[in-house]
Protein backbone atom coordinates (compact mmCIF):
# COMPACT_ATOMS: atom_id res chain seq x y z
CA MET A 1 4.64 -84.60 4.47
CA MET A 2 2.03 -83.79 7.08
CA GLN A 3 -1.05 -82.07 5.63
CA THR A 4 -1.91 -78.68 7.03
CA THR A 5 -4.89 -76.36 7.35
CA PRO A 6 -5.07 -73.02 5.44
CA ASP A 7 -3.81 -71.38 8.63
CA GLY A 8 -0.65 -73.67 8.46
CA ASP A 9 -1.60 -75.77 11.40
CA ALA A 10 -0.89 -79.52 11.08
CA LEU A 11 -3.84 -81.73 10.44
CA PRO A 12 -4.18 -84.40 13.11
CA VAL A 13 -4.07 -88.11 12.59
CA GLY A 14 -7.53 -89.53 13.14
CA VAL A 15 -7.54 -92.25 15.73
CA LEU A 16 -10.43 -94.84 15.98
CA TYR A 17 -10.72 -97.29 18.75
CA THR A 18 -12.96 -100.18 17.84
CA GLY A 19 -12.09 -102.59 20.57
CA GLY A 20 -9.56 -105.18 21.45
CA THR A 21 -6.91 -105.85 24.18
CA PHE A 22 -5.13 -102.53 23.45
CA GLY A 23 -7.71 -100.38 25.33
CA MET A 24 -8.92 -102.95 28.02
CA VAL A 25 -8.58 -102.66 31.75
CA PRO A 26 -9.10 -105.36 34.31
CA SER A 27 -12.48 -105.69 36.10
CA ASP A 28 -14.05 -108.25 38.37
CA ARG A 29 -15.45 -109.88 35.21
CA GLY A 30 -12.09 -110.00 33.35
CA TYR A 31 -10.69 -107.52 30.83
CA THR A 32 -13.33 -104.95 29.57
CA PRO A 33 -12.92 -101.90 27.27
CA SER A 34 -11.95 -98.68 29.11
CA SER A 35 -13.88 -95.37 28.74
CA ASP A 36 -10.73 -93.12 29.11
CA LEU A 37 -8.49 -94.66 26.42
CA PRO A 38 -7.73 -91.09 24.79
CA GLU A 39 -6.43 -89.72 27.98
CA ARG A 40 -4.52 -92.80 28.86
CA ALA A 41 -2.90 -92.91 25.50
CA GLN A 42 -1.92 -89.18 25.59
CA ALA A 43 -0.34 -89.85 28.98
CA ALA A 44 1.55 -92.94 27.62
CA LEU A 45 2.75 -90.99 24.67
CA ALA A 46 4.13 -87.97 26.67
CA GLY A 47 7.70 -87.18 25.82
CA SER A 48 7.59 -89.14 22.41
CA ASN A 49 7.81 -87.53 19.00
CA HIS A 50 4.40 -88.00 17.61
CA PRO A 51 1.75 -85.98 15.47
CA PRO A 52 -1.30 -84.46 16.95
CA LEU A 53 -4.27 -86.81 17.42
CA ARG A 54 -7.95 -86.30 16.87
CA TRP A 55 -10.02 -89.18 18.43
CA LEU A 56 -13.03 -90.19 16.27
CA ASP A 57 -16.11 -92.30 16.98
CA PRO A 58 -15.48 -95.12 14.56
CA GLY A 59 -19.18 -95.49 13.79
CA THR A 60 -18.99 -99.23 14.50
CA GLY A 61 -20.90 -99.13 17.80
CA PRO A 62 -19.43 -100.02 21.29
CA ALA A 63 -16.05 -101.43 21.40
CA ILE A 64 -16.03 -105.12 20.74
CA ASN A 65 -13.86 -108.19 20.69
CA SER A 66 -12.52 -108.64 17.23
CA ALA A 67 -14.03 -112.12 16.94
CA ASP A 68 -17.42 -110.37 16.47
CA VAL A 69 -16.20 -108.19 13.54
CA ASN A 70 -18.39 -108.70 10.33
CA PRO A 71 -18.61 -106.87 6.91
CA ALA A 72 -21.00 -104.41 8.25
CA PHE A 73 -18.24 -103.29 10.66
CA TRP A 74 -15.74 -102.82 7.61
CA HIS A 75 -18.25 -100.73 5.81
CA ALA A 76 -19.05 -98.51 8.84
CA LEU A 77 -15.36 -98.03 9.69
CA ALA A 78 -14.50 -97.12 5.99
CA GLY A 79 -17.43 -94.65 5.81
CA THR A 80 -16.29 -92.87 8.98
CA ILE A 81 -12.68 -92.61 7.54
CA ARG A 82 -14.08 -91.24 4.27
CA ARG A 83 -16.13 -88.55 5.98
CA ASN A 84 -13.14 -87.32 7.94
CA ALA A 85 -10.53 -87.58 5.17
CA ALA A 86 -10.41 -83.88 4.45
CA HIS A 87 -9.68 -83.18 8.16
CA CYS A 88 -6.94 -85.65 8.92
CA THR A 89 -3.49 -86.34 7.56
CA GLY A 90 -4.02 -90.05 7.99
CA PHE A 91 -5.78 -92.61 10.13
CA VAL A 92 -4.92 -95.12 12.79
CA VAL A 93 -7.47 -97.93 13.69
CA ILE A 94 -6.87 -99.68 17.01
CA HIS A 95 -8.44 -103.16 16.79
CA GLY A 96 -8.33 -106.51 18.34
CA THR A 97 -5.75 -108.86 16.92
CA ASP A 98 -7.74 -111.85 15.96
CA THR A 99 -9.28 -110.25 12.82
CA LEU A 100 -6.95 -107.37 12.50
CA ALA A 101 -5.50 -108.68 9.12
CA PHE A 102 -9.07 -109.11 7.79
CA THR A 103 -10.06 -105.67 8.60
CA GLY A 104 -6.68 -104.14 7.27
CA SER A 105 -7.32 -106.12 3.98
CA ALA A 106 -10.87 -105.05 3.63
CA LEU A 107 -9.85 -101.39 4.18
CA SER A 108 -7.17 -101.63 1.53
CA PHE A 109 -9.90 -102.27 -1.00
CA LEU A 110 -12.73 -100.14 0.28
CA LEU A 111 -10.34 -97.12 0.63
CA ALA A 112 -8.03 -97.73 -2.31
CA ASP A 113 -8.77 -94.27 -3.69
CA LEU A 114 -8.60 -92.33 -0.35
CA GLY A 115 -5.23 -90.80 -0.87
CA ARG A 116 -4.47 -90.94 2.87
CA PRO A 117 -2.47 -93.53 4.95
CA VAL A 118 -4.72 -95.91 6.96
CA VAL A 119 -2.78 -98.07 9.55
CA VAL A 120 -4.36 -100.76 11.61
CA THR A 121 -2.80 -101.85 14.93
CA GLY A 122 -3.58 -103.54 18.24
CA ALA A 123 -1.69 -105.04 21.21
CA ARG A 124 -1.04 -108.26 22.85
CA ALA A 125 -1.25 -106.69 26.43
CA PRO A 126 -3.36 -103.63 27.36
CA LEU A 127 -1.88 -100.18 27.33
CA GLY A 128 -0.17 -99.31 30.63
CA GLU A 129 0.49 -102.90 31.77
CA ALA A 130 3.97 -104.17 32.34
CA ALA A 131 5.74 -105.28 29.11
CA SER A 132 2.70 -104.13 27.01
CA ASP A 133 3.44 -103.59 23.30
CA ALA A 134 0.57 -101.19 22.93
CA ARG A 135 2.73 -97.98 23.09
CA GLU A 136 5.29 -99.09 20.60
CA ASN A 137 2.59 -100.28 18.15
CA LEU A 138 0.73 -97.03 18.42
CA LEU A 139 3.75 -94.96 17.86
CA THR A 140 4.68 -97.08 14.77
CA ALA A 141 1.25 -96.57 13.38
CA LEU A 142 1.32 -92.81 14.08
CA HIS A 143 4.68 -92.36 12.32
CA ALA A 144 3.32 -94.36 9.25
CA ALA A 145 0.16 -92.28 9.22
CA VAL A 146 2.18 -89.12 8.46
CA SER A 147 4.95 -90.62 6.32
CA PRO A 148 5.58 -88.75 3.05
CA GLY A 149 4.33 -90.63 0.04
CA PHE A 150 2.64 -93.34 1.90
CA THR A 151 -1.09 -93.53 1.06
CA GLY A 152 -1.81 -97.25 1.41
CA THR A 153 -3.16 -99.44 4.13
CA GLY A 154 -0.61 -100.77 6.65
CA LEU A 155 -0.48 -102.93 9.71
CA ALA A 156 1.80 -101.81 12.57
CA PHE A 157 2.92 -104.44 15.03
CA GLY A 158 6.03 -105.73 16.75
CA GLY A 159 8.44 -102.98 15.46
CA GLN A 160 7.23 -103.52 11.83
CA LEU A 161 4.99 -101.82 9.42
CA LEU A 162 3.54 -104.54 7.18
CA GLN A 163 1.36 -104.22 4.10
CA ALA A 164 -2.19 -104.92 5.52
CA ASN A 165 -3.35 -106.89 2.58
CA ARG A 166 -0.19 -109.08 2.71
CA SER A 167 -0.47 -109.90 6.44
CA SER A 168 -1.88 -112.80 8.40
CA LYS A 169 -2.15 -113.68 12.03
CA ARG A 170 -0.55 -117.12 11.93
CA PHE A 171 2.48 -117.41 14.10
CA GLY A 172 1.43 -116.27 17.51
CA ALA A 173 5.14 -115.82 18.24
CA PRO A 174 6.25 -113.61 21.17
CA GLY A 175 6.36 -110.03 19.99
CA GLN A 176 5.09 -110.50 16.52
CA PRO A 177 1.96 -112.70 15.83
CA PHE A 178 1.67 -111.29 12.27
CA THR A 179 3.50 -112.65 9.30
CA SER A 180 3.72 -111.26 5.73
CA PRO A 181 4.74 -114.43 3.92
CA ASN A 182 5.07 -113.24 0.40
CA ALA A 183 6.00 -109.60 0.79
CA ALA A 184 8.73 -107.88 2.76
CA PRO A 185 7.86 -105.45 5.51
CA LEU A 186 7.32 -101.85 4.37
CA ALA A 187 9.33 -100.45 7.30
CA THR A 188 10.75 -101.13 10.72
CA PHE A 189 10.38 -98.82 13.70
CA ASP A 190 13.26 -98.21 16.17
CA GLY A 191 11.19 -96.45 18.78
CA ASN A 192 11.72 -93.05 17.30
CA ALA A 193 11.57 -93.24 13.40
CA LEU A 194 10.46 -95.53 10.70
CA HIS A 195 13.10 -97.06 8.41
CA TRP A 196 11.54 -97.80 5.07
CA GLN A 197 12.48 -100.86 3.15
CA ARG A 198 10.24 -100.69 0.17
CA THR A 199 7.38 -98.57 -1.15
CA LEU A 200 3.81 -99.51 -1.80
CA ASP A 201 2.41 -98.67 -5.18
CA THR A 202 -1.39 -98.05 -5.60
CA LEU A 203 -2.07 -99.78 -8.79
CA GLU A 204 -5.59 -99.13 -9.48
CA ALA A 205 -6.77 -96.17 -7.48
CA SER A 206 -9.90 -95.81 -9.62
CA LEU A 207 -11.47 -98.97 -7.96
CA PRO A 208 -15.24 -98.46 -7.64
CA VAL A 209 -16.27 -97.04 -4.26
CA VAL A 210 -18.49 -99.50 -2.42
CA THR A 211 -20.41 -97.91 0.34
CA ASP A 212 -22.81 -100.70 1.25
CA TYR A 213 -23.09 -104.40 0.71
CA ALA A 214 -25.79 -106.95 -0.21
CA SER A 215 -23.83 -109.94 -1.59
CA ARG A 216 -22.07 -112.39 0.77
CA ALA A 217 -18.89 -114.47 0.57
CA ALA A 218 -17.93 -117.52 2.54
CA MET A 219 -14.70 -119.37 3.22
CA LEU A 220 -14.08 -123.07 3.78
CA ALA A 221 -10.91 -125.06 4.39
CA VAL A 222 -10.32 -128.27 2.30
CA TYR A 223 -9.74 -131.19 4.45
CA PRO A 224 -9.29 -134.97 4.03
CA GLY A 225 -12.68 -136.52 3.45
CA ILE A 226 -14.46 -133.23 2.46
CA SER A 227 -17.50 -134.06 0.42
CA GLY A 228 -19.35 -132.23 -2.37
CA ASP A 229 -22.30 -132.15 0.00
CA VAL A 230 -20.37 -129.59 2.10
CA ILE A 231 -19.94 -127.31 -0.96
CA HIS A 232 -23.60 -127.73 -1.85
CA GLY A 233 -24.49 -126.88 1.71
CA VAL A 234 -22.49 -123.67 1.71
CA VAL A 235 -23.89 -122.60 -1.72
CA GLU A 236 -27.42 -123.20 -0.53
CA THR A 237 -27.06 -120.41 2.05
CA GLY A 238 -27.15 -117.93 -0.77
CA VAL A 239 -23.49 -116.87 -0.86
CA HIS A 240 -22.26 -115.17 -4.04
CA ALA A 241 -18.65 -116.22 -3.69
CA LEU A 242 -16.82 -119.23 -1.89
CA LEU A 243 -13.13 -119.09 -1.03
CA LEU A 244 -11.51 -122.55 -0.64
CA GLU A 245 -8.35 -122.87 1.44
CA THR A 246 -6.84 -125.75 -0.66
CA TYR A 247 -3.66 -127.72 -0.21
CA PRO A 248 -0.47 -126.19 -1.65
CA SER A 249 -0.64 -125.24 -5.42
CA GLY A 250 -4.37 -125.44 -5.37
CA ILE A 251 -4.78 -129.19 -4.91
CA GLY A 252 -8.14 -130.56 -3.68
CA PRO A 253 -9.95 -133.79 -4.16
CA GLY A 254 -9.91 -133.56 -8.00
CA GLU A 255 -10.40 -137.36 -8.33
CA ASP A 256 -13.61 -137.23 -6.40
CA ALA A 257 -16.32 -136.84 -8.97
CA ALA A 258 -18.99 -135.64 -6.55
CA PHE A 259 -16.73 -132.98 -5.11
CA VAL A 260 -15.80 -131.69 -8.74
CA ALA A 261 -19.50 -131.85 -9.67
CA ALA A 262 -20.29 -129.67 -6.70
CA ILE A 263 -17.83 -127.03 -7.77
CA ASP A 264 -19.28 -127.09 -11.15
CA ALA A 265 -22.78 -126.78 -9.99
CA ALA A 266 -21.75 -123.76 -7.86
CA THR A 267 -20.08 -122.08 -10.77
CA ARG A 268 -23.00 -122.76 -13.07
CA ARG A 269 -25.20 -121.22 -10.45
CA GLY A 270 -23.20 -117.98 -10.77
CA VAL A 271 -21.13 -118.38 -7.55
CA VAL A 272 -17.55 -117.34 -7.92
CA VAL A 273 -15.41 -120.17 -6.39
CA ALA A 274 -11.78 -119.28 -5.81
CA ALA A 275 -8.73 -120.89 -4.15
CA VAL A 276 -5.84 -119.84 -1.90
CA SER A 277 -3.24 -122.18 -0.50
CA GLN A 278 -3.20 -123.41 3.08
CA ASN A 279 0.54 -123.03 2.89
CA GLN A 280 1.47 -119.34 3.74
CA TYR A 281 4.40 -119.24 1.38
CA GLY A 282 4.19 -119.54 -2.44
CA GLY A 283 0.62 -119.69 -3.88
CA VAL A 284 -1.96 -121.54 -6.02
CA ARG A 285 -0.91 -122.83 -9.41
CA LEU A 286 -3.93 -124.67 -10.80
CA GLY A 287 -3.01 -127.34 -13.32
CA HIS A 288 0.61 -127.73 -11.88
CA TYR A 289 -0.56 -131.15 -10.42
CA ALA A 290 -3.07 -133.19 -12.48
CA THR A 291 -5.35 -133.55 -9.46
CA SER A 292 -6.05 -129.73 -9.54
CA THR A 293 -6.92 -129.75 -13.33
CA PRO A 294 -10.58 -131.14 -12.86
CA LEU A 295 -11.27 -128.39 -10.25
CA ALA A 296 -10.02 -125.71 -12.61
CA GLU A 297 -12.10 -127.14 -15.58
CA ALA A 298 -15.17 -127.09 -13.26
CA GLY A 299 -14.58 -123.27 -12.75
CA LEU A 300 -12.31 -122.97 -9.67
CA ILE A 301 -10.04 -119.85 -10.06
CA GLY A 302 -6.73 -119.35 -8.40
CA GLY A 303 -5.78 -116.55 -5.94
CA ALA A 304 -2.10 -116.60 -6.70
CA ASP A 305 -0.09 -115.89 -3.47
CA MET A 306 -2.79 -113.85 -1.71
CA THR A 307 -3.26 -114.49 2.04
CA ARG A 308 -6.71 -115.93 3.00
CA GLU A 309 -7.59 -112.50 4.49
CA ALA A 310 -6.79 -110.55 1.28
CA ALA A 311 -8.55 -113.06 -0.86
CA PHE A 312 -11.77 -113.23 1.25
CA THR A 313 -12.01 -109.51 1.61
CA LYS A 314 -11.23 -108.97 -2.10
CA LEU A 315 -14.06 -111.34 -3.08
CA HIS A 316 -16.42 -109.48 -0.74
CA TYR A 317 -15.39 -106.16 -2.23
CA LEU A 318 -15.71 -107.30 -5.87
CA ILE A 319 -19.06 -109.10 -5.53
CA ASN A 320 -20.50 -105.84 -4.06
CA CYS A 321 -19.09 -103.58 -6.98
CA GLY A 322 -22.00 -104.40 -9.30
CA LEU A 323 -19.69 -106.38 -11.63
CA ASP A 324 -20.86 -109.39 -13.62
CA ARG A 325 -19.28 -112.73 -12.95
CA ASP A 326 -16.73 -112.66 -15.75
CA ALA A 327 -15.42 -109.25 -14.58
CA ILE A 328 -15.20 -110.38 -10.95
CA ILE A 329 -13.13 -113.41 -12.00
CA ASP A 330 -10.76 -111.20 -14.09
CA ALA A 331 -10.37 -108.60 -11.29
CA PHE A 332 -9.85 -111.26 -8.59
CA GLN A 333 -6.88 -112.67 -10.53
CA ARG A 334 -5.36 -109.12 -11.03
CA ASN A 335 -3.17 -107.19 -8.72
CA LEU A 336 -5.44 -104.27 -7.73
CA CYS A 337 -3.60 -102.68 -4.77
CA GLY A 338 -0.49 -104.77 -4.04
CA GLU A 339 -2.27 -107.74 -2.66
CA LEU A 340 -0.72 -110.36 -4.97
CA THR A 341 2.50 -110.91 -6.78
CA ALA A 342 1.78 -110.23 -10.49
CA THR A 343 3.30 -112.74 -13.03
CA ASP A 344 3.73 -112.20 -16.71
């Protein structure tokens, strides 16, 4: 149900444009962010059924290509949303598609206690261009932002509302570049209304509120020939957590003594080293194959069926909660806000 003011007026949906193709216009230097997106969006939405909008300064600086997104951006965005929560029914974040799933996943942890819907969206072609998907994606997001009972973080794209921390940009398929490999869509959109397929339970709304960050995480893909020196090199940059994208089931070069020793050295140093699978479907099962056992014994922990985006941003969130290493490892392997499939 849409929130209202004491006078009975409907609270608006807060809309934050951070950059990306959605709001761009052509120029002699190529596509560039426009300065009149609110007016163009309002004109594009004319005649449609949508809630009132309140355009907010996202607090992230000038509109950027999403390739330039970093953790400071996530924290600034989350802070803006928190400061406006009492004045908005929900929030829609317009964002470039390349790192959209990372930002959506980060917000799912940073704003788990918000009690308001937050929906990230973008577009493959700018608003107003022929065959652009911007209007449909925005409408999907706006309907989700006022949906009764929905207080999680979603990703609206291609006629679907996906769970943000279950989503990944992998396919690059026409109309829908995002996939949710281990969780069904939350809803579909027919151009006028959302049709819900499942609900999203907020499992641990009491997650600590993190408003700043000092600790850093890194991510590295396992590849044929990767050496322990690569692990040492990343750890020497001062990271507090390292996410490895391993082969399916958590397999890595477990017979390479130098590689295993590098994992062991990192964990003894206090670095949290975790694994997700390069295979989108299924997840990590350390010990299922013997070659993964030495890695687990060296301290590598599994990320179940989390996407790389969810696992990376979850690590970033947890290492900035002020928890000790054992508590981080425990929380990483638990289902905090729907990001992984819990097993008995």
